[in-house]
Structures are given as C-alpha cells and as structure tokens.
Amino acid sequence: MPIISKYSNQEVEQIIAELLATLKKNNASAELSLMCLGNAASIIIKDNFPKQTREQIAESFSAALKDAAK
C-alpha cells in the first residue's frame, strides 16, 4: 500500500536540493554530511516532539532510513 504524503514531491525535492547544495558548497565529505544531517534530525526531534514520543519517532525514522538504504 503506497504511503500518501501531505507534502508534494516538488516541495520535498526542492528542500533536499537546497540541503545538498549547502553541503556541496561547504565541501562536506560524505561522513561530515551524514553527521550534520543526523545532528539536524536529532535537533528536529528534540525541538518538535514531546519527550515521551521522541524514542518512537527516532525508531520510525531509523527504520525508514534502513529501508531506503537497501
């Protein structure tokens, strides 16, 4: 069953392009890029979700990342 997003593909692709352009502009290696994106994800989770749901959000995010990496 396909997942229906409330965000358009165009919106998502534009933000990803901007993130990647920033990393490229700063000559960030793959390792540094992943570190920065991981830290950003952690900050987003801490700043936007109640403490009691953060672990589940992080687990769901991790599972989605693992699936995307296959």
N, C-alpha and C. Protein backbone atom coordinates (compact mmCIF):
# COMPACT_ATOMS: atom_id res chain seq x y z
N MET A 1 0.84 -1.17 0.00
CA MET A 1 0.00 0.00 0.00
C MET A 1 0.90 1.25 0.00
N PRO A 2 0.71 2.12 -0.99
CA PRO A 2 1.56 3.31 -1.05
C PRO A 2 1.26 4.27 0.09
N ILE A 3 2.31 4.95 0.51
CA ILE A 3 2.17 5.96 1.56
C ILE A 3 1.80 7.28 0.90
N ILE A 4 0.75 7.92 1.39
CA ILE A 4 0.32 9.20 0.86
C ILE A 4 0.86 10.29 1.77
N SER A 5 1.59 11.22 1.18
CA SER A 5 2.21 12.30 1.94
C SER A 5 1.39 13.57 1.81
N LYS A 6 1.41 14.38 2.87
CA LYS A 6 0.74 15.67 2.80
C LYS A 6 1.63 16.71 2.13
N TYR A 7 2.85 16.30 1.75
CA TYR A 7 3.79 17.20 1.08
C TYR A 7 3.94 16.78 -0.37
N SER A 8 4.03 17.74 -1.26
CA SER A 8 4.20 17.41 -2.68
C SER A 8 5.63 16.95 -2.93
N ASN A 9 5.78 16.14 -3.98
CA ASN A 9 7.12 15.71 -4.37
C ASN A 9 7.99 16.91 -4.69
N GLN A 10 7.42 17.92 -5.33
CA GLN A 10 8.17 19.12 -5.69
C GLN A 10 8.69 19.82 -4.44
N GLU A 11 7.86 19.94 -3.42
CA GLU A 11 8.28 20.59 -2.17
C GLU A 11 9.42 19.81 -1.52
N VAL A 12 9.28 18.52 -1.44
CA VAL A 12 10.31 17.68 -0.82
C VAL A 12 11.61 17.74 -1.61
N GLU A 13 11.52 17.61 -2.93
CA GLU A 13 12.70 17.62 -3.78
C GLU A 13 13.42 18.97 -3.72
N GLN A 14 12.69 20.07 -3.62
CA GLN A 14 13.30 21.40 -3.52
C GLN A 14 14.10 21.55 -2.23
N ILE A 15 13.54 21.11 -1.13
CA ILE A 15 14.25 21.21 0.15
C ILE A 15 15.48 20.31 0.15
N ILE A 16 15.36 19.10 -0.38
CA ILE A 16 16.51 18.20 -0.47
C ILE A 16 17.60 18.83 -1.33
N ALA A 17 17.23 19.41 -2.45
CA ALA A 17 18.22 20.05 -3.33
C ALA A 17 18.95 21.17 -2.59
N GLU A 18 18.21 21.95 -1.80
CA GLU A 18 18.83 23.04 -1.05
C GLU A 18 19.78 22.51 0.03
N LEU A 19 19.37 21.45 0.72
CA LEU A 19 20.25 20.84 1.72
C LEU A 19 21.53 20.32 1.08
N LEU A 20 21.39 19.59 -0.02
CA LEU A 20 22.55 19.03 -0.70
C LEU A 20 23.45 20.13 -1.27
N ALA A 21 22.86 21.21 -1.77
CA ALA A 21 23.65 22.33 -2.29
C ALA A 21 24.47 22.96 -1.18
N THR A 22 23.90 23.08 0.00
CA THR A 22 24.63 23.65 1.14
C THR A 22 25.80 22.75 1.52
N LEU A 23 25.58 21.45 1.56
CA LEU A 23 26.67 20.53 1.88
C LEU A 23 27.77 20.61 0.82
N LYS A 24 27.36 20.66 -0.45
CA LYS A 24 28.34 20.74 -1.53
C LYS A 24 29.11 22.06 -1.47
N LYS A 25 28.42 23.16 -1.20
CA LYS A 25 29.05 24.48 -1.11
C LYS A 25 30.14 24.49 -0.03
N ASN A 26 29.92 23.71 1.01
CA ASN A 26 30.87 23.64 2.11
C ASN A 26 31.87 22.49 1.96
N ASN A 27 31.87 21.86 0.79
CA ASN A 27 32.78 20.74 0.50
C ASN A 27 32.73 19.67 1.59
N ALA A 28 31.54 19.40 2.10
CA ALA A 28 31.38 18.41 3.16
C ALA A 28 31.56 17.01 2.58
N SER A 29 32.38 16.23 3.24
CA SER A 29 32.55 14.82 2.84
C SER A 29 31.26 14.07 3.14
N ALA A 30 31.18 12.84 2.65
CA ALA A 30 30.01 12.02 2.94
C ALA A 30 29.85 11.83 4.44
N GLU A 31 30.96 11.56 5.12
CA GLU A 31 30.91 11.36 6.57
C GLU A 31 30.42 12.61 7.31
N LEU A 32 30.96 13.78 6.94
CA LEU A 32 30.54 15.03 7.58
C LEU A 32 29.09 15.34 7.24
N SER A 33 28.68 15.08 6.01
CA SER A 33 27.30 15.32 5.60
C SER A 33 26.33 14.49 6.44
N LEU A 34 26.65 13.21 6.61
CA LEU A 34 25.78 12.35 7.42
C LEU A 34 25.76 12.79 8.88
N MET A 35 26.91 13.23 9.39
CA MET A 35 26.97 13.72 10.77
C MET A 35 26.07 14.96 10.93
N CYS A 36 26.17 15.87 10.00
CA CYS A 36 25.37 17.09 10.07
C CYS A 36 23.87 16.80 9.93
N LEU A 37 23.53 15.95 8.98
CA LEU A 37 22.12 15.61 8.79
C LEU A 37 21.56 14.84 9.99
N GLY A 38 22.38 13.96 10.56
CA GLY A 38 21.96 13.22 11.75
C GLY A 38 21.75 14.15 12.94
N ASN A 39 22.67 15.09 13.12
CA ASN A 39 22.52 16.06 14.21
C ASN A 39 21.29 16.93 13.99
N ALA A 40 21.06 17.32 12.74
CA ALA A 40 19.87 18.12 12.43
C ALA A 40 18.60 17.33 12.74
N ALA A 41 18.58 16.05 12.37
CA ALA A 41 17.41 15.21 12.67
C ALA A 41 17.18 15.12 14.17
N SER A 42 18.27 14.97 14.93
CA SER A 42 18.15 14.91 16.39
C SER A 42 17.57 16.19 16.96
N ILE A 43 18.04 17.32 16.47
CA ILE A 43 17.53 18.62 16.93
C ILE A 43 16.06 18.77 16.59
N ILE A 44 15.68 18.39 15.37
CA ILE A 44 14.28 18.48 14.96
C ILE A 44 13.39 17.63 15.87
N ILE A 45 13.83 16.42 16.17
CA ILE A 45 13.05 15.54 17.05
C ILE A 45 12.93 16.15 18.44
N LYS A 46 14.05 16.61 19.00
CA LYS A 46 14.02 17.18 20.36
C LYS A 46 13.18 18.44 20.45
N ASP A 47 13.22 19.26 19.39
CA ASP A 47 12.51 20.55 19.42
C ASP A 47 11.04 20.47 19.04
N ASN A 48 10.61 19.34 18.46
CA ASN A 48 9.25 19.31 17.91
C ASN A 48 8.35 18.19 18.41
N PHE A 49 8.88 17.31 19.24
CA PHE A 49 8.07 16.20 19.73
C PHE A 49 8.17 16.09 21.24
N PRO A 50 7.07 15.72 21.89
CA PRO A 50 7.11 15.55 23.35
C PRO A 50 8.11 14.47 23.73
N LYS A 51 8.71 14.63 24.90
CA LYS A 51 9.76 13.70 25.36
C LYS A 51 9.29 12.25 25.31
N GLN A 52 8.04 11.99 25.65
CA GLN A 52 7.56 10.61 25.71
C GLN A 52 7.39 9.97 24.33
N THR A 53 7.43 10.74 23.24
CA THR A 53 7.30 10.16 21.91
C THR A 53 8.59 10.19 21.10
N ARG A 54 9.62 10.83 21.61
CA ARG A 54 10.86 11.01 20.84
C ARG A 54 11.52 9.70 20.44
N GLU A 55 11.58 8.74 21.37
CA GLU A 55 12.24 7.47 21.05
C GLU A 55 11.51 6.76 19.92
N GLN A 56 10.18 6.76 19.94
CA GLN A 56 9.41 6.10 18.88
C GLN A 56 9.60 6.83 17.55
N ILE A 57 9.63 8.15 17.58
CA ILE A 57 9.87 8.92 16.36
C ILE A 57 11.25 8.55 15.79
N ALA A 58 12.26 8.52 16.65
CA ALA A 58 13.62 8.19 16.21
C ALA A 58 13.68 6.76 15.66
N GLU A 59 12.98 5.83 16.28
CA GLU A 59 12.96 4.45 15.79
C GLU A 59 12.28 4.36 14.43
N SER A 60 11.18 5.09 14.26
CA SER A 60 10.48 5.10 12.96
C SER A 60 11.36 5.71 11.87
N PHE A 61 12.05 6.80 12.23
CA PHE A 61 12.96 7.46 11.30
C PHE A 61 14.09 6.51 10.91
N SER A 62 14.65 5.83 11.91
CA SER A 62 15.74 4.89 11.68
C SER A 62 15.29 3.74 10.77
N ALA A 63 14.11 3.23 11.00
CA ALA A 63 13.59 2.14 10.18
C ALA A 63 13.40 2.60 8.74
N ALA A 64 12.88 3.80 8.54
CA ALA A 64 12.69 4.32 7.20
C ALA A 64 14.03 4.51 6.49
N LEU A 65 15.03 4.99 7.24
CA LEU A 65 16.37 5.18 6.68
C LEU A 65 16.97 3.83 6.26
N LYS A 66 16.82 2.83 7.12
CA LYS A 66 17.33 1.49 6.79
C LYS A 66 16.66 0.94 5.53
N ASP A 67 15.35 1.12 5.43
CA ASP A 67 14.63 0.64 4.25
C ASP A 67 15.09 1.37 2.98
N ALA A 68 15.33 2.66 3.10
CA ALA A 68 15.78 3.45 1.94
C ALA A 68 17.18 3.07 1.50
N ALA A 69 17.99 2.57 2.42
CA ALA A 69 19.38 2.24 2.10
C ALA A 69 19.53 0.87 1.44
N LYS A 70 18.46 0.11 1.39
CA LYS A 70 18.54 -1.26 0.81
C LYS A 70 18.71 -1.21 -0.69
